[in-house]
N, C-alpha and C. Protein backbone atom coordinates (compact mmCIF):
# COMPACT_ATOMS: atom_id res chain seq x y z
N MET A 1 94.03 116.63 39.85
CA MET A 1 94.89 117.56 39.15
C MET A 1 96.34 117.09 39.27
N LYS A 2 97.02 117.10 38.16
CA LYS A 2 98.39 116.61 38.11
C LYS A 2 99.36 117.71 38.56
N LYS A 3 100.28 117.34 39.44
CA LYS A 3 101.30 118.29 39.89
C LYS A 3 102.56 118.10 39.07
N PHE A 4 103.18 119.20 38.79
CA PHE A 4 104.45 119.16 38.08
C PHE A 4 105.57 119.38 39.09
N LYS A 5 106.57 118.57 38.99
CA LYS A 5 107.73 118.73 39.86
C LYS A 5 108.92 119.12 39.00
N PHE A 6 109.43 120.29 39.29
CA PHE A 6 110.61 120.77 38.58
C PHE A 6 111.81 120.66 39.51
N LYS A 7 112.86 120.13 38.99
CA LYS A 7 114.07 120.02 39.77
C LYS A 7 115.16 120.83 39.08
N ILE A 8 115.72 121.76 39.80
CA ILE A 8 116.81 122.57 39.26
C ILE A 8 118.11 121.94 39.72
N GLN A 9 118.94 121.67 38.76
CA GLN A 9 120.20 121.02 39.05
C GLN A 9 121.33 121.80 38.40
N LYS A 10 122.38 122.02 39.15
CA LYS A 10 123.53 122.72 38.60
C LYS A 10 124.25 121.81 37.60
N ILE A 11 124.53 122.39 36.44
CA ILE A 11 125.23 121.65 35.41
C ILE A 11 126.62 122.25 35.26
N GLU A 12 127.62 121.41 35.27
CA GLU A 12 128.99 121.86 35.05
C GLU A 12 129.21 122.05 33.55
N PRO A 13 130.09 122.98 33.17
CA PRO A 13 130.31 123.25 31.74
C PRO A 13 130.65 122.00 30.92
N HIS A 14 131.43 121.09 31.47
CA HIS A 14 131.81 119.90 30.70
C HIS A 14 130.62 118.97 30.43
N GLN A 15 129.50 119.18 31.13
CA GLN A 15 128.30 118.37 30.90
C GLN A 15 127.45 118.91 29.75
N LEU A 16 127.74 120.12 29.29
CA LEU A 16 126.96 120.73 28.22
C LEU A 16 127.39 120.21 26.85
N THR A 17 126.41 119.85 26.05
CA THR A 17 126.72 119.53 24.66
C THR A 17 126.77 120.85 23.89
N ASP A 18 127.38 120.82 22.72
CA ASP A 18 127.46 122.02 21.90
C ASP A 18 126.06 122.52 21.55
N ARG A 19 125.18 121.59 21.24
CA ARG A 19 123.80 121.95 20.88
C ARG A 19 123.10 122.64 22.04
N LEU A 20 123.22 122.08 23.24
CA LEU A 20 122.60 122.66 24.43
C LEU A 20 123.19 124.04 24.75
N LEU A 21 124.49 124.18 24.57
CA LEU A 21 125.14 125.47 24.81
C LEU A 21 124.60 126.53 23.86
N LEU A 22 124.46 126.19 22.58
CA LEU A 22 123.94 127.14 21.60
C LEU A 22 122.46 127.46 21.83
N ILE A 23 121.68 126.44 22.19
CA ILE A 23 120.26 126.68 22.51
C ILE A 23 120.16 127.66 23.68
N ASN A 24 120.97 127.42 24.72
CA ASN A 24 120.97 128.30 25.88
C ASN A 24 121.39 129.72 25.49
N LEU A 25 122.42 129.84 24.68
CA LEU A 25 122.89 131.16 24.25
C LEU A 25 121.81 131.92 23.50
N TYR A 26 121.25 131.29 22.46
CA TYR A 26 120.27 132.00 21.64
C TYR A 26 118.95 132.22 22.37
N LEU A 27 118.57 131.29 23.24
CA LEU A 27 117.35 131.47 24.03
C LEU A 27 117.49 132.65 24.99
N THR A 28 118.62 132.72 25.69
CA THR A 28 118.81 133.83 26.62
C THR A 28 118.92 135.16 25.88
N GLN A 29 119.53 135.17 24.72
CA GLN A 29 119.62 136.41 23.95
C GLN A 29 118.24 136.82 23.41
N GLY A 30 117.45 135.83 23.02
CA GLY A 30 116.08 136.12 22.58
C GLY A 30 115.25 136.72 23.71
N LEU A 31 115.38 136.15 24.90
CA LEU A 31 114.67 136.69 26.07
C LEU A 31 115.18 138.09 26.42
N THR A 32 116.48 138.30 26.28
CA THR A 32 117.07 139.62 26.52
C THR A 32 116.49 140.64 25.55
N LEU A 33 116.38 140.26 24.28
CA LEU A 33 115.83 141.16 23.27
C LEU A 33 114.37 141.49 23.56
N VAL A 34 113.57 140.48 23.90
CA VAL A 34 112.15 140.71 24.21
C VAL A 34 112.03 141.63 25.43
N ALA A 35 112.82 141.36 26.47
CA ALA A 35 112.79 142.21 27.67
C ALA A 35 113.16 143.64 27.32
N ALA A 36 114.17 143.81 26.48
CA ALA A 36 114.59 145.16 26.07
C ALA A 36 113.48 145.88 25.33
N LEU A 37 112.87 145.21 24.37
CA LEU A 37 111.81 145.84 23.58
C LEU A 37 110.62 146.22 24.43
N VAL A 38 110.21 145.30 25.32
CA VAL A 38 109.07 145.58 26.20
C VAL A 38 109.38 146.76 27.12
N TRP A 39 110.57 146.74 27.72
CA TRP A 39 110.95 147.81 28.65
C TRP A 39 111.02 149.16 27.93
N ILE A 40 111.60 149.18 26.75
CA ILE A 40 111.70 150.43 25.98
C ILE A 40 110.31 150.94 25.61
N LEU A 41 109.42 150.04 25.21
CA LEU A 41 108.05 150.45 24.88
C LEU A 41 107.32 150.98 26.10
N PHE A 42 107.54 150.37 27.28
CA PHE A 42 106.93 150.87 28.51
C PHE A 42 107.48 152.24 28.89
N GLN A 43 108.66 152.56 28.41
CA GLN A 43 109.24 153.88 28.64
C GLN A 43 108.73 154.90 27.62
N HIS A 44 107.80 154.46 26.78
CA HIS A 44 107.22 155.30 25.72
C HIS A 44 108.29 155.81 24.75
N ARG A 45 109.21 154.90 24.42
CA ARG A 45 110.27 155.22 23.48
C ARG A 45 110.19 154.23 22.32
N ASN A 46 110.79 154.59 21.23
CA ASN A 46 110.76 153.77 20.03
C ASN A 46 112.09 153.03 19.87
N PRO A 47 112.08 151.68 19.96
CA PRO A 47 113.33 150.94 19.84
C PRO A 47 113.99 151.09 18.46
N ILE A 48 113.18 151.31 17.43
CA ILE A 48 113.73 151.51 16.09
C ILE A 48 114.55 152.80 16.05
N GLN A 49 114.04 153.84 16.69
CA GLN A 49 114.78 155.11 16.73
C GLN A 49 116.09 154.97 17.50
N LEU A 50 116.09 154.14 18.53
CA LEU A 50 117.32 153.92 19.29
C LEU A 50 118.42 153.30 18.43
N LEU A 51 118.00 152.54 17.43
CA LEU A 51 118.97 151.85 16.58
C LEU A 51 119.24 152.58 15.26
N GLU A 52 118.75 153.80 15.14
CA GLU A 52 119.01 154.56 13.91
C GLU A 52 120.49 154.91 13.81
N LEU A 53 121.00 154.81 12.59
CA LEU A 53 122.39 155.20 12.35
C LEU A 53 122.45 156.70 12.13
N SER A 54 123.41 157.34 12.76
CA SER A 54 123.50 158.80 12.69
C SER A 54 124.25 159.28 11.46
N GLY A 55 125.01 158.43 10.82
CA GLY A 55 125.82 158.86 9.69
C GLY A 55 127.15 159.44 10.12
N SER A 56 127.39 159.49 11.41
CA SER A 56 128.64 160.03 11.95
C SER A 56 129.60 158.88 12.27
N TRP A 57 130.86 159.10 11.98
CA TRP A 57 131.88 158.10 12.32
C TRP A 57 132.22 158.14 13.81
N ASN A 58 131.67 159.11 14.50
CA ASN A 58 131.94 159.30 15.92
C ASN A 58 131.66 158.03 16.73
N VAL A 59 130.57 157.34 16.42
CA VAL A 59 130.22 156.12 17.18
C VAL A 59 131.25 155.02 16.95
N ILE A 60 131.80 154.95 15.73
CA ILE A 60 132.83 153.95 15.43
C ILE A 60 134.10 154.28 16.21
N TYR A 61 134.48 155.55 16.24
CA TYR A 61 135.69 155.96 16.96
C TYR A 61 135.57 155.65 18.45
N TRP A 62 134.44 156.03 19.05
CA TRP A 62 134.23 155.76 20.47
C TRP A 62 134.17 154.26 20.75
N GLY A 63 133.39 153.53 19.94
CA GLY A 63 133.24 152.09 20.16
C GLY A 63 134.54 151.33 19.96
N ALA A 64 135.21 151.58 18.84
CA ALA A 64 136.47 150.88 18.55
C ALA A 64 137.56 151.34 19.52
N GLY A 65 137.55 152.62 19.86
CA GLY A 65 138.56 153.14 20.79
C GLY A 65 138.47 152.48 22.15
N LEU A 66 137.26 152.40 22.69
CA LEU A 66 137.09 151.75 24.00
C LEU A 66 137.41 150.27 23.90
N ALA A 67 137.03 149.63 22.80
CA ALA A 67 137.33 148.20 22.62
C ALA A 67 138.84 147.97 22.64
N ILE A 68 139.60 148.82 21.95
CA ILE A 68 141.06 148.69 21.93
C ILE A 68 141.64 148.85 23.33
N VAL A 69 141.16 149.85 24.06
CA VAL A 69 141.64 150.09 25.42
C VAL A 69 141.33 148.89 26.32
N LEU A 70 140.09 148.40 26.27
CA LEU A 70 139.69 147.28 27.13
C LEU A 70 140.41 145.98 26.76
N LEU A 71 140.57 145.72 25.46
CA LEU A 71 141.28 144.51 25.03
C LEU A 71 142.76 144.57 25.41
N ALA A 72 143.37 145.75 25.26
CA ALA A 72 144.78 145.91 25.65
C ALA A 72 144.95 145.72 27.16
N ALA A 73 144.06 146.32 27.93
CA ALA A 73 144.11 146.16 29.39
C ALA A 73 143.89 144.70 29.78
N ASP A 74 142.95 144.03 29.11
CA ASP A 74 142.68 142.62 29.39
C ASP A 74 143.91 141.76 29.08
N LEU A 75 144.58 142.06 27.98
CA LEU A 75 145.80 141.33 27.61
C LEU A 75 146.88 141.54 28.66
N LEU A 76 147.06 142.76 29.10
CA LEU A 76 148.04 143.07 30.13
C LEU A 76 147.70 142.35 31.44
N ILE A 77 146.45 142.41 31.82
CA ILE A 77 146.00 141.77 33.06
C ILE A 77 146.22 140.26 32.99
N SER A 78 145.94 139.66 31.82
CA SER A 78 146.11 138.21 31.68
C SER A 78 147.57 137.80 31.77
N ARG A 79 148.49 138.73 31.53
CA ARG A 79 149.93 138.45 31.66
C ARG A 79 150.38 138.55 33.12
N VAL A 80 149.66 139.33 33.92
CA VAL A 80 150.05 139.59 35.30
C VAL A 80 149.35 138.63 36.27
N LEU A 81 148.05 138.48 36.11
CA LEU A 81 147.28 137.64 37.04
C LEU A 81 147.31 136.18 36.61
N PRO A 82 147.20 135.27 37.57
CA PRO A 82 147.12 133.85 37.19
C PRO A 82 145.83 133.56 36.42
N GLU A 83 145.90 132.60 35.53
CA GLU A 83 144.75 132.25 34.69
C GLU A 83 143.53 131.89 35.52
N SER A 84 143.75 131.27 36.67
CA SER A 84 142.63 130.85 37.53
C SER A 84 141.81 132.03 38.04
N SER A 85 142.42 133.21 38.16
CA SER A 85 141.67 134.36 38.68
C SER A 85 140.72 134.95 37.64
N MET A 86 140.86 134.58 36.38
CA MET A 86 139.98 135.07 35.32
C MET A 86 139.06 133.96 34.80
N ASP A 87 139.00 132.86 35.53
CA ASP A 87 138.25 131.68 35.08
C ASP A 87 136.75 131.94 35.02
N ASP A 88 136.13 131.58 33.90
CA ASP A 88 134.68 131.70 33.74
C ASP A 88 134.01 130.33 33.80
N GLY A 89 134.74 129.34 34.26
CA GLY A 89 134.20 128.00 34.34
C GLY A 89 134.32 127.23 33.04
N GLY A 90 134.99 127.79 32.06
CA GLY A 90 135.20 127.10 30.79
C GLY A 90 134.13 127.34 29.74
N ILE A 91 133.16 128.20 30.04
CA ILE A 91 132.06 128.44 29.09
C ILE A 91 132.56 129.06 27.79
N ASN A 92 133.42 130.08 27.89
CA ASN A 92 133.93 130.72 26.67
C ASN A 92 134.72 129.74 25.81
N GLU A 93 135.51 128.89 26.44
CA GLU A 93 136.26 127.87 25.70
C GLU A 93 135.30 126.95 24.95
N LEU A 94 134.28 126.48 25.64
CA LEU A 94 133.30 125.59 25.00
C LEU A 94 132.55 126.29 23.88
N LEU A 95 132.25 127.56 24.08
CA LEU A 95 131.46 128.29 23.10
C LEU A 95 132.24 128.58 21.82
N PHE A 96 133.52 128.91 21.95
CA PHE A 96 134.26 129.39 20.78
C PHE A 96 135.24 128.39 20.16
N LYS A 97 135.73 127.43 20.93
CA LYS A 97 136.72 126.52 20.35
C LYS A 97 136.09 125.69 19.24
N GLY A 98 136.74 125.65 18.13
CA GLY A 98 136.25 124.86 17.00
C GLY A 98 135.05 125.46 16.28
N ARG A 99 134.60 126.63 16.70
CA ARG A 99 133.45 127.27 16.07
C ARG A 99 133.91 127.94 14.77
N PRO A 100 133.14 127.82 13.69
CA PRO A 100 133.51 128.52 12.45
C PRO A 100 133.54 130.03 12.66
N VAL A 101 134.42 130.70 11.94
CA VAL A 101 134.58 132.15 12.10
C VAL A 101 133.26 132.88 11.87
N TRP A 102 132.51 132.48 10.83
CA TRP A 102 131.24 133.16 10.54
C TRP A 102 130.29 133.06 11.73
N HIS A 103 130.33 131.92 12.45
CA HIS A 103 129.42 131.75 13.59
C HIS A 103 129.87 132.60 14.78
N ILE A 104 131.17 132.77 14.95
CA ILE A 104 131.67 133.65 16.00
C ILE A 104 131.22 135.09 15.73
N VAL A 105 131.25 135.49 14.46
CA VAL A 105 130.77 136.83 14.07
C VAL A 105 129.29 136.97 14.41
N VAL A 106 128.49 135.95 14.08
CA VAL A 106 127.05 135.99 14.36
C VAL A 106 126.80 136.07 15.87
N ILE A 107 127.50 135.23 16.64
CA ILE A 107 127.33 135.25 18.09
C ILE A 107 127.66 136.63 18.65
N ALA A 108 128.80 137.19 18.24
CA ALA A 108 129.21 138.51 18.74
C ALA A 108 128.19 139.58 18.37
N LEU A 109 127.64 139.50 17.16
CA LEU A 109 126.66 140.49 16.71
C LEU A 109 125.35 140.37 17.49
N VAL A 110 124.85 139.15 17.63
CA VAL A 110 123.59 138.92 18.34
C VAL A 110 123.71 139.36 19.80
N VAL A 111 124.78 138.93 20.46
CA VAL A 111 124.97 139.26 21.88
C VAL A 111 125.12 140.77 22.07
N SER A 112 125.92 141.41 21.23
CA SER A 112 126.14 142.85 21.41
C SER A 112 124.87 143.66 21.20
N ILE A 113 124.09 143.32 20.20
CA ILE A 113 122.85 144.07 19.94
C ILE A 113 121.82 143.82 21.05
N CYS A 114 121.58 142.56 21.38
CA CYS A 114 120.56 142.24 22.40
C CYS A 114 120.92 142.82 23.76
N GLU A 115 122.16 142.60 24.21
CA GLU A 115 122.54 143.06 25.55
C GLU A 115 122.62 144.58 25.63
N GLU A 116 123.13 145.23 24.60
CA GLU A 116 123.23 146.69 24.65
C GLU A 116 121.86 147.35 24.54
N LEU A 117 120.96 146.75 23.77
CA LEU A 117 119.61 147.29 23.69
C LEU A 117 118.94 147.24 25.07
N LEU A 118 119.14 146.14 25.80
CA LEU A 118 118.56 146.03 27.14
C LEU A 118 119.30 146.92 28.14
N PHE A 119 120.62 146.75 28.23
CA PHE A 119 121.34 147.42 29.31
C PHE A 119 121.55 148.91 29.08
N ARG A 120 122.02 149.30 27.91
CA ARG A 120 122.21 150.73 27.67
C ARG A 120 120.91 151.38 27.19
N GLY A 121 120.17 150.69 26.31
CA GLY A 121 118.97 151.28 25.74
C GLY A 121 117.80 151.40 26.70
N ALA A 122 117.60 150.40 27.55
CA ALA A 122 116.44 150.40 28.45
C ALA A 122 116.82 150.67 29.90
N ILE A 123 117.71 149.84 30.45
CA ILE A 123 117.99 149.93 31.89
C ILE A 123 118.74 151.21 32.24
N GLN A 124 119.79 151.54 31.47
CA GLN A 124 120.54 152.76 31.79
C GLN A 124 119.66 154.00 31.71
N PHE A 125 118.73 154.00 30.79
CA PHE A 125 117.78 155.12 30.68
C PHE A 125 116.99 155.27 31.97
N ALA A 126 116.68 154.14 32.62
CA ALA A 126 115.85 154.16 33.83
C ALA A 126 116.65 154.41 35.11
N ILE A 127 117.84 153.80 35.23
CA ILE A 127 118.53 153.86 36.53
C ILE A 127 119.96 154.38 36.46
N GLY A 128 120.43 154.75 35.29
CA GLY A 128 121.77 155.33 35.17
C GLY A 128 122.86 154.29 34.97
N PRO A 129 124.07 154.75 34.63
CA PRO A 129 125.15 153.82 34.27
C PRO A 129 125.71 153.02 35.44
N TYR A 130 125.73 153.57 36.65
CA TYR A 130 126.31 152.85 37.79
C TYR A 130 125.52 151.58 38.12
N TRP A 131 124.22 151.74 38.36
CA TRP A 131 123.39 150.59 38.72
C TRP A 131 123.23 149.64 37.55
N THR A 132 123.23 150.17 36.35
CA THR A 132 123.17 149.32 35.16
C THR A 132 124.41 148.43 35.11
N SER A 133 125.56 148.99 35.44
CA SER A 133 126.81 148.22 35.42
C SER A 133 126.82 147.13 36.48
N ILE A 134 126.22 147.41 37.62
CA ILE A 134 126.10 146.37 38.65
C ILE A 134 125.23 145.22 38.14
N LEU A 135 124.08 145.55 37.55
CA LEU A 135 123.22 144.50 36.99
C LEU A 135 123.92 143.73 35.87
N PHE A 136 124.65 144.44 35.03
CA PHE A 136 125.37 143.81 33.92
C PHE A 136 126.39 142.81 34.47
N ALA A 137 127.10 143.19 35.52
CA ALA A 137 128.08 142.28 36.13
C ALA A 137 127.37 141.07 36.74
N LEU A 138 126.21 141.29 37.35
CA LEU A 138 125.49 140.18 37.98
C LEU A 138 124.95 139.17 36.97
N ILE A 139 124.53 139.63 35.78
CA ILE A 139 124.01 138.66 34.82
C ILE A 139 125.12 137.84 34.18
N HIS A 140 126.33 138.33 34.26
CA HIS A 140 127.47 137.54 33.79
C HIS A 140 127.92 136.64 34.95
N VAL A 141 126.99 135.80 35.36
CA VAL A 141 127.09 135.01 36.57
C VAL A 141 128.31 134.09 36.57
N ARG A 142 128.76 133.68 35.40
CA ARG A 142 129.89 132.76 35.35
C ARG A 142 131.18 133.40 35.85
N TYR A 143 131.21 134.73 35.94
CA TYR A 143 132.40 135.42 36.45
C TYR A 143 132.32 135.69 37.94
N LEU A 144 131.19 135.45 38.56
CA LEU A 144 130.99 135.85 39.96
C LEU A 144 131.80 135.03 40.96
N ARG A 145 132.40 133.93 40.51
CA ARG A 145 133.19 133.11 41.42
C ARG A 145 134.51 133.78 41.80
N HIS A 146 134.94 134.74 41.01
CA HIS A 146 136.20 135.42 41.26
C HIS A 146 135.95 136.93 41.25
N TRP A 147 136.57 137.63 42.17
CA TRP A 147 136.32 139.07 42.31
C TRP A 147 136.83 139.86 41.12
N PHE A 148 137.98 139.47 40.56
CA PHE A 148 138.56 140.30 39.52
C PHE A 148 137.72 140.35 38.25
N PRO A 149 137.30 139.21 37.68
CA PRO A 149 136.47 139.30 36.47
C PRO A 149 135.14 140.01 36.71
N THR A 150 134.59 139.88 37.92
CA THR A 150 133.35 140.58 38.23
C THR A 150 133.58 142.09 38.18
N GLY A 151 134.67 142.53 38.79
CA GLY A 151 135.02 143.95 38.74
C GLY A 151 135.33 144.41 37.33
N TRP A 152 135.99 143.55 36.57
CA TRP A 152 136.34 143.89 35.19
C TRP A 152 135.08 144.05 34.33
N VAL A 153 134.10 143.16 34.52
CA VAL A 153 132.84 143.27 33.77
C VAL A 153 132.12 144.56 34.18
N PHE A 154 132.14 144.89 35.48
CA PHE A 154 131.52 146.14 35.94
C PHE A 154 132.18 147.35 35.27
N LEU A 155 133.52 147.41 35.29
CA LEU A 155 134.22 148.55 34.69
C LEU A 155 133.99 148.63 33.18
N SER A 156 133.99 147.49 32.52
CA SER A 156 133.72 147.46 31.08
C SER A 156 132.32 147.99 30.80
N SER A 157 131.37 147.55 31.60
CA SER A 157 129.99 148.00 31.43
C SER A 157 129.86 149.50 31.68
N TYR A 158 130.57 149.99 32.68
CA TYR A 158 130.52 151.43 32.95
C TYR A 158 131.10 152.20 31.77
N GLY A 159 132.16 151.66 31.18
CA GLY A 159 132.73 152.27 29.98
C GLY A 159 131.74 152.29 28.83
N LEU A 160 131.00 151.20 28.66
CA LEU A 160 129.97 151.14 27.62
C LEU A 160 128.89 152.20 27.87
N GLY A 161 128.50 152.34 29.13
CA GLY A 161 127.52 153.36 29.48
C GLY A 161 128.04 154.77 29.23
N TYR A 162 129.32 154.96 29.52
CA TYR A 162 129.94 156.28 29.32
C TYR A 162 129.95 156.66 27.84
N ILE A 163 130.34 155.73 26.97
CA ILE A 163 130.39 156.09 25.54
C ILE A 163 128.99 156.26 24.96
N TYR A 164 128.01 155.59 25.56
CA TYR A 164 126.62 155.81 25.13
C TYR A 164 126.20 157.24 25.47
N ILE A 165 126.55 157.69 26.67
CA ILE A 165 126.22 159.05 27.08
C ILE A 165 126.96 160.07 26.20
N GLN A 166 128.23 159.82 25.93
CA GLN A 166 129.03 160.76 25.15
C GLN A 166 128.56 160.90 23.71
N THR A 167 128.15 159.78 23.10
CA THR A 167 127.77 159.82 21.68
C THR A 167 126.28 160.01 21.48
N GLY A 168 125.48 159.61 22.45
CA GLY A 168 124.03 159.66 22.29
C GLY A 168 123.52 158.59 21.35
N SER A 169 124.39 157.66 20.99
CA SER A 169 124.01 156.59 20.06
C SER A 169 124.28 155.23 20.68
N LEU A 170 123.31 154.35 20.55
CA LEU A 170 123.46 152.98 21.05
C LEU A 170 124.50 152.21 20.24
N TRP A 171 124.82 152.70 19.05
CA TRP A 171 125.78 151.99 18.20
C TRP A 171 127.20 152.03 18.73
N ALA A 172 127.56 153.04 19.51
CA ALA A 172 128.91 153.10 20.08
C ALA A 172 129.15 151.92 21.03
N PRO A 173 128.27 151.68 22.04
CA PRO A 173 128.49 150.51 22.88
C PRO A 173 128.28 149.19 22.13
N ILE A 174 127.40 149.16 21.12
CA ILE A 174 127.22 147.93 20.34
C ILE A 174 128.51 147.60 19.60
N VAL A 175 129.12 148.60 18.96
CA VAL A 175 130.38 148.37 18.24
C VAL A 175 131.46 147.88 19.20
N CYS A 176 131.58 148.52 20.35
CA CYS A 176 132.58 148.12 21.34
C CYS A 176 132.35 146.69 21.82
N HIS A 177 131.13 146.39 22.22
CA HIS A 177 130.77 145.06 22.72
C HIS A 177 131.02 144.00 21.64
N PHE A 178 130.63 144.31 20.40
CA PHE A 178 130.84 143.40 19.28
C PHE A 178 132.32 143.11 19.08
N LEU A 179 133.14 144.15 19.04
CA LEU A 179 134.58 143.96 18.80
C LEU A 179 135.24 143.16 19.92
N ILE A 180 134.86 143.43 21.16
CA ILE A 180 135.44 142.68 22.29
C ILE A 180 135.06 141.21 22.20
N ASP A 181 133.78 140.93 21.99
CA ASP A 181 133.34 139.53 21.89
C ASP A 181 133.94 138.83 20.68
N LEU A 182 134.00 139.53 19.55
CA LEU A 182 134.54 138.95 18.32
C LEU A 182 136.03 138.62 18.48
N ILE A 183 136.81 139.59 18.92
CA ILE A 183 138.25 139.38 19.05
C ILE A 183 138.56 138.34 20.12
N SER A 184 137.84 138.38 21.24
CA SER A 184 138.04 137.37 22.29
C SER A 184 137.67 135.98 21.78
N GLY A 185 136.54 135.88 21.07
CA GLY A 185 136.11 134.60 20.52
C GLY A 185 137.08 134.05 19.50
N LEU A 186 137.58 134.91 18.62
CA LEU A 186 138.56 134.48 17.62
C LEU A 186 139.87 134.06 18.27
N ALA A 187 140.28 134.78 19.32
CA ALA A 187 141.51 134.42 20.03
C ALA A 187 141.38 133.03 20.65
N ILE A 188 140.25 132.75 21.26
CA ILE A 188 140.02 131.42 21.84
C ILE A 188 140.00 130.36 20.76
N ARG A 189 139.31 130.63 19.67
CA ARG A 189 139.19 129.65 18.58
C ARG A 189 140.55 129.31 18.00
N PHE A 190 141.34 130.32 17.68
CA PHE A 190 142.62 130.05 17.04
C PHE A 190 143.69 129.58 18.02
N ARG A 191 143.58 129.95 19.28
CA ARG A 191 144.47 129.41 20.30
C ARG A 191 144.20 127.92 20.47
N GLN A 192 142.93 127.53 20.48
CA GLN A 192 142.57 126.12 20.59
C GLN A 192 143.01 125.34 19.37
N GLN A 193 142.89 125.96 18.19
CA GLN A 193 143.28 125.29 16.95
C GLN A 193 144.78 125.05 16.92
N LYS A 194 145.55 126.02 17.44
CA LYS A 194 147.00 125.92 17.46
C LYS A 194 147.48 124.86 18.44
N GLY A 195 146.78 124.76 19.59
CA GLY A 195 147.23 123.88 20.66
C GLY A 195 146.83 122.48 20.53
């Protein structure tokens, strides 16, 4: 019988090709979506119903409102703290620099739907917003090297959980997550283009 030997090796961001980065992004989001759907079904809930649009602008107000607050706070923090304290290892730079705008929109949409379906739709339903926010911060492993971005991801996640509770709609945190990722991605893309 043939034995398989797997070797796990840490890869630095500069070693990633654009193709490998995108494969990793879409593969992890696909796995996130599958995990969300399975977990929601095990909870005897309907994932389609979770994504129903209510027809109320309330979810847009909550989602966009929290996004504006978080983006403004992030901008203020980036002016006060040294850049090294918010370092993600360069992954966001690699992901968004030189990326076409339409692709940044797609990435933001895919990530926001998949992650919010899992974290707010499935996990928060099971364990509440506090523990969900801890898990959310932990999966954003690239921020764990510095305490501040880890705390910031936790607080942002708690805010997403809060607006989900307030609106009763998964679309509020999806809108917020989408806007944050979109605006951050566009800022990186156009900052890189300018420089």
